[in-house]
Amino acid sequence: MARKKSVWRPQIGAVATYIGGASKLASSAYNVRVVAESSVDRMVVEAIGRSGTPVRFTVKCKNLAPLQPGLFD
């Protein structure tokens, strides 16, 4: 049997990378800040929108990853 991969669950206020799963051809990654927990395996995150204003949206925890080492050191 295959084991379930453990999902990384960031703490509130942590900075993470959101890897969008909408399109496999044009997938992009965004740096986001975790604002709150939502319902089952989802988090409310905040990112900078196209107009430069903060935007909040809900994402699945499996689409969040820790930042690369040394990015904000």
PDB file of N, CA and C in Angstrom:
ATOM      1  N   MET A   1       0.824  -1.192   0.000  1.00  0.00           N
ATOM      2  CA  MET A   1       0.000   0.000   0.000  1.00  0.00           C
ATOM      3  C   MET A   1       0.869   1.256   0.000  1.00  0.00           C
ATOM      4  N   ALA A   2       0.395   2.242  -0.673  1.00  0.00           N
ATOM      5  CA  ALA A   2       1.122   3.508  -0.721  1.00  0.00           C
ATOM      6  C   ALA A   2       0.817   4.321   0.532  1.00  0.00           C
ATOM      7  N   ARG A   3       1.819   4.997   1.033  1.00  0.00           N
ATOM      8  CA  ARG A   3       1.635   5.859   2.194  1.00  0.00           C
ATOM      9  C   ARG A   3       1.151   7.224   1.756  1.00  0.00           C
ATOM     10  N   LYS A   4       0.358   7.847   2.613  1.00  0.00           N
ATOM     11  CA  LYS A   4      -0.067   9.211   2.337  1.00  0.00           C
ATOM     12  C   LYS A   4       1.093  10.157   2.600  1.00  0.00           C
ATOM     13  N   LYS A   5       1.310  11.078   1.704  1.00  0.00           N
ATOM     14  CA  LYS A   5       2.346  12.085   1.886  1.00  0.00           C
ATOM     15  C   LYS A   5       1.839  13.110   2.905  1.00  0.00           C
ATOM     16  N   SER A   6       2.659  13.427   3.888  1.00  0.00           N
ATOM     17  CA  SER A   6       2.220  14.396   4.883  1.00  0.00           C
ATOM     18  C   SER A   6       2.189  15.790   4.259  1.00  0.00           C
ATOM     19  N   VAL A   7       1.142  16.521   4.569  1.00  0.00           N
ATOM     20  CA  VAL A   7       0.941  17.852   4.020  1.00  0.00           C
ATOM     21  C   VAL A   7       1.558  18.862   4.974  1.00  0.00           C
ATOM     22  N   TRP A   8       2.325  19.791   4.427  1.00  0.00           N
ATOM     23  CA  TRP A   8       2.940  20.837   5.227  1.00  0.00           C
ATOM     24  C   TRP A   8       1.858  21.831   5.623  1.00  0.00           C
ATOM     25  N   ARG A   9       1.716  22.075   6.919  1.00  0.00           N
ATOM     26  CA  ARG A   9       0.706  22.994   7.432  1.00  0.00           C
ATOM     27  C   ARG A   9       1.399  24.190   8.075  1.00  0.00           C
ATOM     28  N   PRO A  10       1.413  25.332   7.388  1.00  0.00           N
ATOM     29  CA  PRO A  10       2.086  26.516   7.943  1.00  0.00           C
ATOM     30  C   PRO A  10       1.300  27.109   9.104  1.00  0.00           C
ATOM     31  N   GLN A  11       2.000  27.816   9.965  1.00  0.00           N
ATOM     32  CA  GLN A  11       1.360  28.515  11.067  1.00  0.00           C
ATOM     33  C   GLN A  11       0.781  29.828  10.558  1.00  0.00           C
ATOM     34  N   ILE A  12      -0.158  30.372  11.326  1.00  0.00           N
ATOM     35  CA  ILE A  12      -0.760  31.657  10.982  1.00  0.00           C
ATOM     36  C   ILE A  12       0.337  32.730  10.999  1.00  0.00           C
ATOM     37  N   GLY A  13       0.382  33.550   9.969  1.00  0.00           N
ATOM     38  CA  GLY A  13       1.383  34.606   9.866  1.00  0.00           C
ATOM     39  C   GLY A  13       2.631  34.193   9.103  1.00  0.00           C
ATOM     40  N   ALA A  14       2.750  32.913   8.768  1.00  0.00           N
ATOM     41  CA  ALA A  14       3.925  32.428   8.039  1.00  0.00           C
ATOM     42  C   ALA A  14       3.859  32.846   6.568  1.00  0.00           C
ATOM     43  N   VAL A  15       5.016  32.968   5.950  1.00  0.00           N
ATOM     44  CA  VAL A  15       5.106  33.260   4.523  1.00  0.00           C
ATOM     45  C   VAL A  15       5.373  31.936   3.816  1.00  0.00           C
ATOM     46  N   ALA A  16       4.624  31.682   2.749  1.00  0.00           N
ATOM     47  CA  ALA A  16       4.727  30.404   2.038  1.00  0.00           C
ATOM     48  C   ALA A  16       4.659  30.663   0.540  1.00  0.00           C
ATOM     49  N   THR A  17       4.880  29.616  -0.230  1.00  0.00           N
ATOM     50  CA  THR A  17       4.744  29.674  -1.678  1.00  0.00           C
ATOM     51  C   THR A  17       3.479  28.930  -2.073  1.00  0.00           C
ATOM     52  N   TYR A  18       2.605  29.591  -2.817  1.00  0.00           N
ATOM     53  CA  TYR A  18       1.393  28.956  -3.331  1.00  0.00           C
ATOM     54  C   TYR A  18       1.651  28.550  -4.773  1.00  0.00           C
ATOM     55  N   ILE A  19       1.492  27.276  -5.052  1.00  0.00           N
ATOM     56  CA  ILE A  19       1.685  26.756  -6.401  1.00  0.00           C
ATOM     57  C   ILE A  19       0.309  26.428  -6.949  1.00  0.00           C
ATOM     58  N   GLY A  20      -0.184  27.284  -7.832  1.00  0.00           N
ATOM     59  CA  GLY A  20      -1.532  27.130  -8.372  1.00  0.00           C
ATOM     60  C   GLY A  20      -1.668  25.879  -9.218  1.00  0.00           C
ATOM     61  N   GLY A  21      -2.794  25.218  -9.073  1.00  0.00           N
ATOM     62  CA  GLY A  21      -3.017  23.988  -9.815  1.00  0.00           C
ATOM     63  C   GLY A  21      -4.064  24.124 -10.894  1.00  0.00           C
ATOM     64  N   ALA A  22      -4.443  25.348 -11.250  1.00  0.00           N
ATOM     65  CA  ALA A  22      -5.510  25.566 -12.219  1.00  0.00           C
ATOM     66  C   ALA A  22      -5.112  25.091 -13.615  1.00  0.00           C
ATOM     67  N   SER A  23      -3.910  25.374 -14.017  1.00  0.00           N
ATOM     68  CA  SER A  23      -3.458  24.996 -15.352  1.00  0.00           C
ATOM     69  C   SER A  23      -2.056  24.409 -15.249  1.00  0.00           C
ATOM     70  N   LYS A  24      -1.904  23.204 -15.720  1.00  0.00           N
ATOM     71  CA  LYS A  24      -0.591  22.554 -15.656  1.00  0.00           C
ATOM     72  C   LYS A  24       0.398  23.191 -16.631  1.00  0.00           C
ATOM     73  N   LEU A  25      -0.094  23.774 -17.714  1.00  0.00           N
ATOM     74  CA  LEU A  25       0.801  24.389 -18.687  1.00  0.00           C
ATOM     75  C   LEU A  25       1.334  25.724 -18.204  1.00  0.00           C
ATOM     76  N   ALA A  26       0.500  26.499 -17.523  1.00  0.00           N
ATOM     77  CA  ALA A  26       0.901  27.833 -17.102  1.00  0.00           C
ATOM     78  C   ALA A  26       0.854  27.956 -15.581  1.00  0.00           C
ATOM     79  N   SER A  27       1.337  26.936 -14.905  1.00  0.00           N
ATOM     80  CA  SER A  27       1.308  27.021 -13.443  1.00  0.00           C
ATOM     81  C   SER A  27       2.302  28.069 -12.976  1.00  0.00           C
ATOM     82  N   SER A  28       1.898  28.817 -11.997  1.00  0.00           N
ATOM     83  CA  SER A  28       2.769  29.860 -11.476  1.00  0.00           C
ATOM     84  C   SER A  28       2.785  29.774  -9.964  1.00  0.00           C
ATOM     85  N   ALA A  29       3.815  30.322  -9.367  1.00  0.00           N
ATOM     86  CA  ALA A  29       3.968  30.290  -7.925  1.00  0.00           C
ATOM     87  C   ALA A  29       3.915  31.720  -7.396  1.00  0.00           C
ATOM     88  N   TYR A  30       3.250  31.891  -6.266  1.00  0.00           N
ATOM     89  CA  TYR A  30       3.119  33.193  -5.635  1.00  0.00           C
ATOM     90  C   TYR A  30       3.593  33.090  -4.199  1.00  0.00           C
ATOM     91  N   ASN A  31       4.263  34.123  -3.721  1.00  0.00           N
ATOM     92  CA  ASN A  31       4.590  34.210  -2.302  1.00  0.00           C
ATOM     93  C   ASN A  31       3.379  34.796  -1.604  1.00  0.00           C
ATOM     94  N   VAL A  32       2.889  34.099  -0.584  1.00  0.00           N
ATOM     95  CA  VAL A  32       1.687  34.509   0.124  1.00  0.00           C
ATOM     96  C   VAL A  32       1.944  34.501   1.619  1.00  0.00           C
ATOM     97  N   ARG A  33       1.090  35.199   2.363  1.00  0.00           N
ATOM     98  CA  ARG A  33       1.138  35.180   3.822  1.00  0.00           C
ATOM     99  C   ARG A  33      -0.125  34.486   4.300  1.00  0.00           C
ATOM    100  N   VAL A  34       0.020  33.527   5.219  1.00  0.00           N
ATOM    101  CA  VAL A  34      -1.118  32.784   5.747  1.00  0.00           C
ATOM    102  C   VAL A  34      -1.826  33.662   6.764  1.00  0.00           C
ATOM    103  N   VAL A  35      -3.130  33.872   6.557  1.00  0.00           N
ATOM    104  CA  VAL A  35      -3.916  34.747   7.410  1.00  0.00           C
ATOM    105  C   VAL A  35      -4.700  33.948   8.449  1.00  0.00           C
ATOM    106  N   ALA A  36      -5.335  32.842   8.034  1.00  0.00           N
ATOM    107  CA  ALA A  36      -6.186  32.074   8.944  1.00  0.00           C
ATOM    108  C   ALA A  36      -6.409  30.677   8.392  1.00  0.00           C
ATOM    109  N   GLU A  37      -6.905  29.797   9.266  1.00  0.00           N
ATOM    110  CA  GLU A  37      -7.329  28.473   8.823  1.00  0.00           C
ATOM    111  C   GLU A  37      -8.776  28.561   8.375  1.00  0.00           C
ATOM    112  N   SER A  38      -9.110  27.781   7.388  1.00  0.00           N
ATOM    113  CA  SER A  38     -10.476  27.720   6.903  1.00  0.00           C
ATOM    114  C   SER A  38     -11.003  26.315   7.158  1.00  0.00           C
ATOM    115  N   SER A  39     -11.959  25.885   6.390  1.00  0.00           N
ATOM    116  CA  SER A  39     -12.502  24.544   6.571  1.00  0.00           C
ATOM    117  C   SER A  39     -11.498  23.481   6.144  1.00  0.00           C
ATOM    118  N   VAL A  40     -11.892  22.265   6.104  1.00  0.00           N
ATOM    119  CA  VAL A  40     -11.061  21.076   5.922  1.00  0.00           C
ATOM    120  C   VAL A  40      -9.874  21.271   4.974  1.00  0.00           C
ATOM    121  N   ASP A  41      -8.661  21.224   5.525  1.00  0.00           N
ATOM    122  CA  ASP A  41      -7.402  21.306   4.768  1.00  0.00           C
ATOM    123  C   ASP A  41      -7.311  22.523   3.840  1.00  0.00           C
ATOM    124  N   ARG A  42      -7.812  23.631   4.270  1.00  0.00           N
ATOM    125  CA  ARG A  42      -7.718  24.871   3.488  1.00  0.00           C
ATOM    126  C   ARG A  42      -7.232  25.999   4.377  1.00  0.00           C
ATOM    127  N   MET A  43      -6.564  26.977   3.776  1.00  0.00           N
ATOM    128  CA  MET A  43      -6.044  28.131   4.490  1.00  0.00           C
ATOM    129  C   MET A  43      -6.442  29.402   3.744  1.00  0.00           C
ATOM    130  N   VAL A  44      -6.671  30.464   4.497  1.00  0.00           N
ATOM    131  CA  VAL A  44      -6.905  31.781   3.912  1.00  0.00           C
ATOM    132  C   VAL A  44      -5.546  32.456   3.821  1.00  0.00           C
ATOM    133  N   VAL A  45      -5.171  32.895   2.610  1.00  0.00           N
ATOM    134  CA  VAL A  45      -3.872  33.525   2.394  1.00  0.00           C
ATOM    135  C   VAL A  45      -4.073  34.906   1.792  1.00  0.00           C
ATOM    136  N   GLU A  46      -3.020  35.711   1.872  1.00  0.00           N
ATOM    137  CA  GLU A  46      -3.057  37.070   1.343  1.00  0.00           C
ATOM    138  C   GLU A  46      -1.865  37.254   0.406  1.00  0.00           C
ATOM    139  N   ALA A  47      -2.129  37.825  -0.753  1.00  0.00           N
ATOM    140  CA  ALA A  47      -1.073  38.091  -1.738  1.00  0.00           C
ATOM    141  C   ALA A  47      -1.298  39.489  -2.309  1.00  0.00           C
ATOM    142  N   ILE A  48      -0.347  39.970  -3.073  1.00  0.00           N
ATOM    143  CA  ILE A  48      -0.474  41.264  -3.731  1.00  0.00           C
ATOM    144  C   ILE A  48      -1.116  41.040  -5.099  1.00  0.00           C
ATOM    145  N   GLY A  49      -2.237  41.706  -5.343  1.00  0.00           N
ATOM    146  CA  GLY A  49      -2.967  41.559  -6.599  1.00  0.00           C
ATOM    147  C   GLY A  49      -2.339  42.348  -7.729  1.00  0.00           C
ATOM    148  N   ARG A  50      -2.955  42.279  -8.887  1.00  0.00           N
ATOM    149  CA  ARG A  50      -2.430  42.962 -10.079  1.00  0.00           C
ATOM    150  C   ARG A  50      -2.428  44.478  -9.940  1.00  0.00           C
ATOM    151  N   SER A  51      -3.402  45.005  -9.202  1.00  0.00           N
ATOM    152  CA  SER A  51      -3.469  46.462  -9.036  1.00  0.00           C
ATOM    153  C   SER A  51      -2.611  46.950  -7.873  1.00  0.00           C
ATOM    154  N   GLY A  52      -1.917  46.030  -7.195  1.00  0.00           N
ATOM    155  CA  GLY A  52      -1.038  46.408  -6.103  1.00  0.00           C
ATOM    156  C   GLY A  52      -1.704  46.405  -4.741  1.00  0.00           C
ATOM    157  N   THR A  53      -2.946  45.995  -4.682  1.00  0.00           N
ATOM    158  CA  THR A  53      -3.655  45.933  -3.411  1.00  0.00           C
ATOM    159  C   THR A  53      -3.651  44.504  -2.880  1.00  0.00           C
ATOM    160  N   PRO A  54      -3.703  44.329  -1.558  1.00  0.00           N
ATOM    161  CA  PRO A  54      -3.729  42.975  -0.994  1.00  0.00           C
ATOM    162  C   PRO A  54      -5.029  42.252  -1.346  1.00  0.00           C
ATOM    163  N   VAL A  55      -4.898  40.975  -1.696  1.00  0.00           N
ATOM    164  CA  VAL A  55      -6.035  40.143  -2.064  1.00  0.00           C
ATOM    165  C   VAL A  55      -6.014  38.909  -1.178  1.00  0.00           C
ATOM    166  N   ARG A  56      -7.165  38.549  -0.619  1.00  0.00           N
ATOM    167  CA  ARG A  56      -7.271  37.343   0.209  1.00  0.00           C
ATOM    168  C   ARG A  56      -8.060  36.287  -0.543  1.00  0.00           C
ATOM    169  N   PHE A  57      -7.589  35.041  -0.470  1.00  0.00           N
ATOM    170  CA  PHE A  57      -8.292  33.934  -1.085  1.00  0.00           C
ATOM    171  C   PHE A  57      -7.987  32.653  -0.322  1.00  0.00           C
ATOM    172  N   THR A  58      -8.782  31.629  -0.554  1.00  0.00           N
ATOM    173  CA  THR A  58      -8.648  30.354   0.142  1.00  0.00           C
ATOM    174  C   THR A  58      -7.968  29.351  -0.777  1.00  0.00           C
ATOM    175  N   VAL A  59      -6.995  28.619  -0.232  1.00  0.00           N
ATOM    176  CA  VAL A  59      -6.259  27.625  -1.003  1.00  0.00           C
ATOM    177  C   VAL A  59      -6.194  26.311  -0.222  1.00  0.00           C
ATOM    178  N   LYS A  60      -5.945  25.234  -0.928  1.00  0.00           N
ATOM    179  CA  LYS A  60      -5.753  23.938  -0.280  1.00  0.00           C
ATOM    180  C   LYS A  60      -4.338  23.862   0.286  1.00  0.00           C
ATOM    181  N   CYS A  61      -4.216  23.204   1.421  1.00  0.00           N
ATOM    182  CA  CYS A  61      -2.901  23.079   2.066  1.00  0.00           C
ATOM    183  C   CYS A  61      -1.909  22.332   1.185  1.00  0.00           C
ATOM    184  N   LYS A  62      -2.389  21.402   0.374  1.00  0.00           N
ATOM    185  CA  LYS A  62      -1.468  20.636  -0.475  1.00  0.00           C
ATOM    186  C   LYS A  62      -0.810  21.506  -1.546  1.00  0.00           C
ATOM    187  N   ASN A  63      -1.373  22.704  -1.815  1.00  0.00           N
ATOM    188  CA  ASN A  63      -0.794  23.621  -2.795  1.00  0.00           C
ATOM    189  C   ASN A  63       0.153  24.640  -2.174  1.00  0.00           C
ATOM    190  N   LEU A  64       0.381  24.541  -0.852  1.00  0.00           N
ATOM    191  CA  LEU A  64       1.310  25.432  -0.167  1.00  0.00           C
ATOM    192  C   LEU A  64       2.628  24.709   0.085  1.00  0.00           C
ATOM    193  N   ALA A  65       3.718  25.427  -0.059  1.00  0.00           N
ATOM    194  CA  ALA A  65       5.043  24.859   0.188  1.00  0.00           C
ATOM    195  C   ALA A  65       5.879  25.885   0.945  1.00  0.00           C
ATOM    196  N   PRO A  66       6.854  25.409   1.724  1.00  0.00           N
ATOM    197  CA  PRO A  66       7.735  26.364   2.417  1.00  0.00           C
ATOM    198  C   PRO A  66       8.557  27.160   1.407  1.00  0.00           C
ATOM    199  N   LEU A  67       8.997  28.348   1.818  1.00  0.00           N
ATOM    200  CA  LEU A  67       9.845  29.166   0.946  1.00  0.00           C
ATOM    201  C   LEU A  67      11.195  28.498   0.740  1.00  0.00           C
ATOM    202  N   GLN A  68      11.849  28.859  -0.341  1.00  0.00           N
ATOM    203  CA  GLN A  68      13.199  28.374  -0.591  1.00  0.00           C
ATOM    204  C   GLN A  68      14.141  28.913   0.477  1.00  0.00           C
ATOM    205  N   PRO A  69      15.136  28.144   0.886  1.00  0.00           N
ATOM    206  CA  PRO A  69      16.052  28.633   1.930  1.00  0.00           C
ATOM    207  C   PRO A  69      16.806  29.879   1.449  1.00  0.00           C
ATOM    208  N   GLY A  70      16.926  30.841   2.354  1.00  0.00           N
ATOM    209  CA  GLY A  70      17.693  32.031   2.068  1.00  0.00           C
ATOM    210  C   GLY A  70      16.972  33.089   1.272  1.00  0.00           C
ATOM    211  N   LEU A  71      15.692  32.905   0.994  1.00  0.00           N
ATOM    212  CA  LEU A  71      14.978  33.885   0.184  1.00  0.00           C
ATOM    213  C   LEU A  71      14.807  35.208   0.907  1.00  0.00           C
ATOM    214  N   PHE A  72      14.444  35.181   2.199  1.00  0.00           N
ATOM    215  CA  PHE A  72      14.249  36.395   2.958  1.00  0.00           C
ATOM    216  C   PHE A  72      15.180  36.487   4.145  1.00  0.00           C
ATOM    217  N   ASP A  73      16.349  35.888   4.079  1.00  0.00           N
ATOM    218  CA  ASP A  73      17.316  35.932   5.193  1.00  0.00           C
ATOM    219  C   ASP A  73      18.117  37.197   5.158  1.00  0.00           C
TER     220      ASP A  73
END
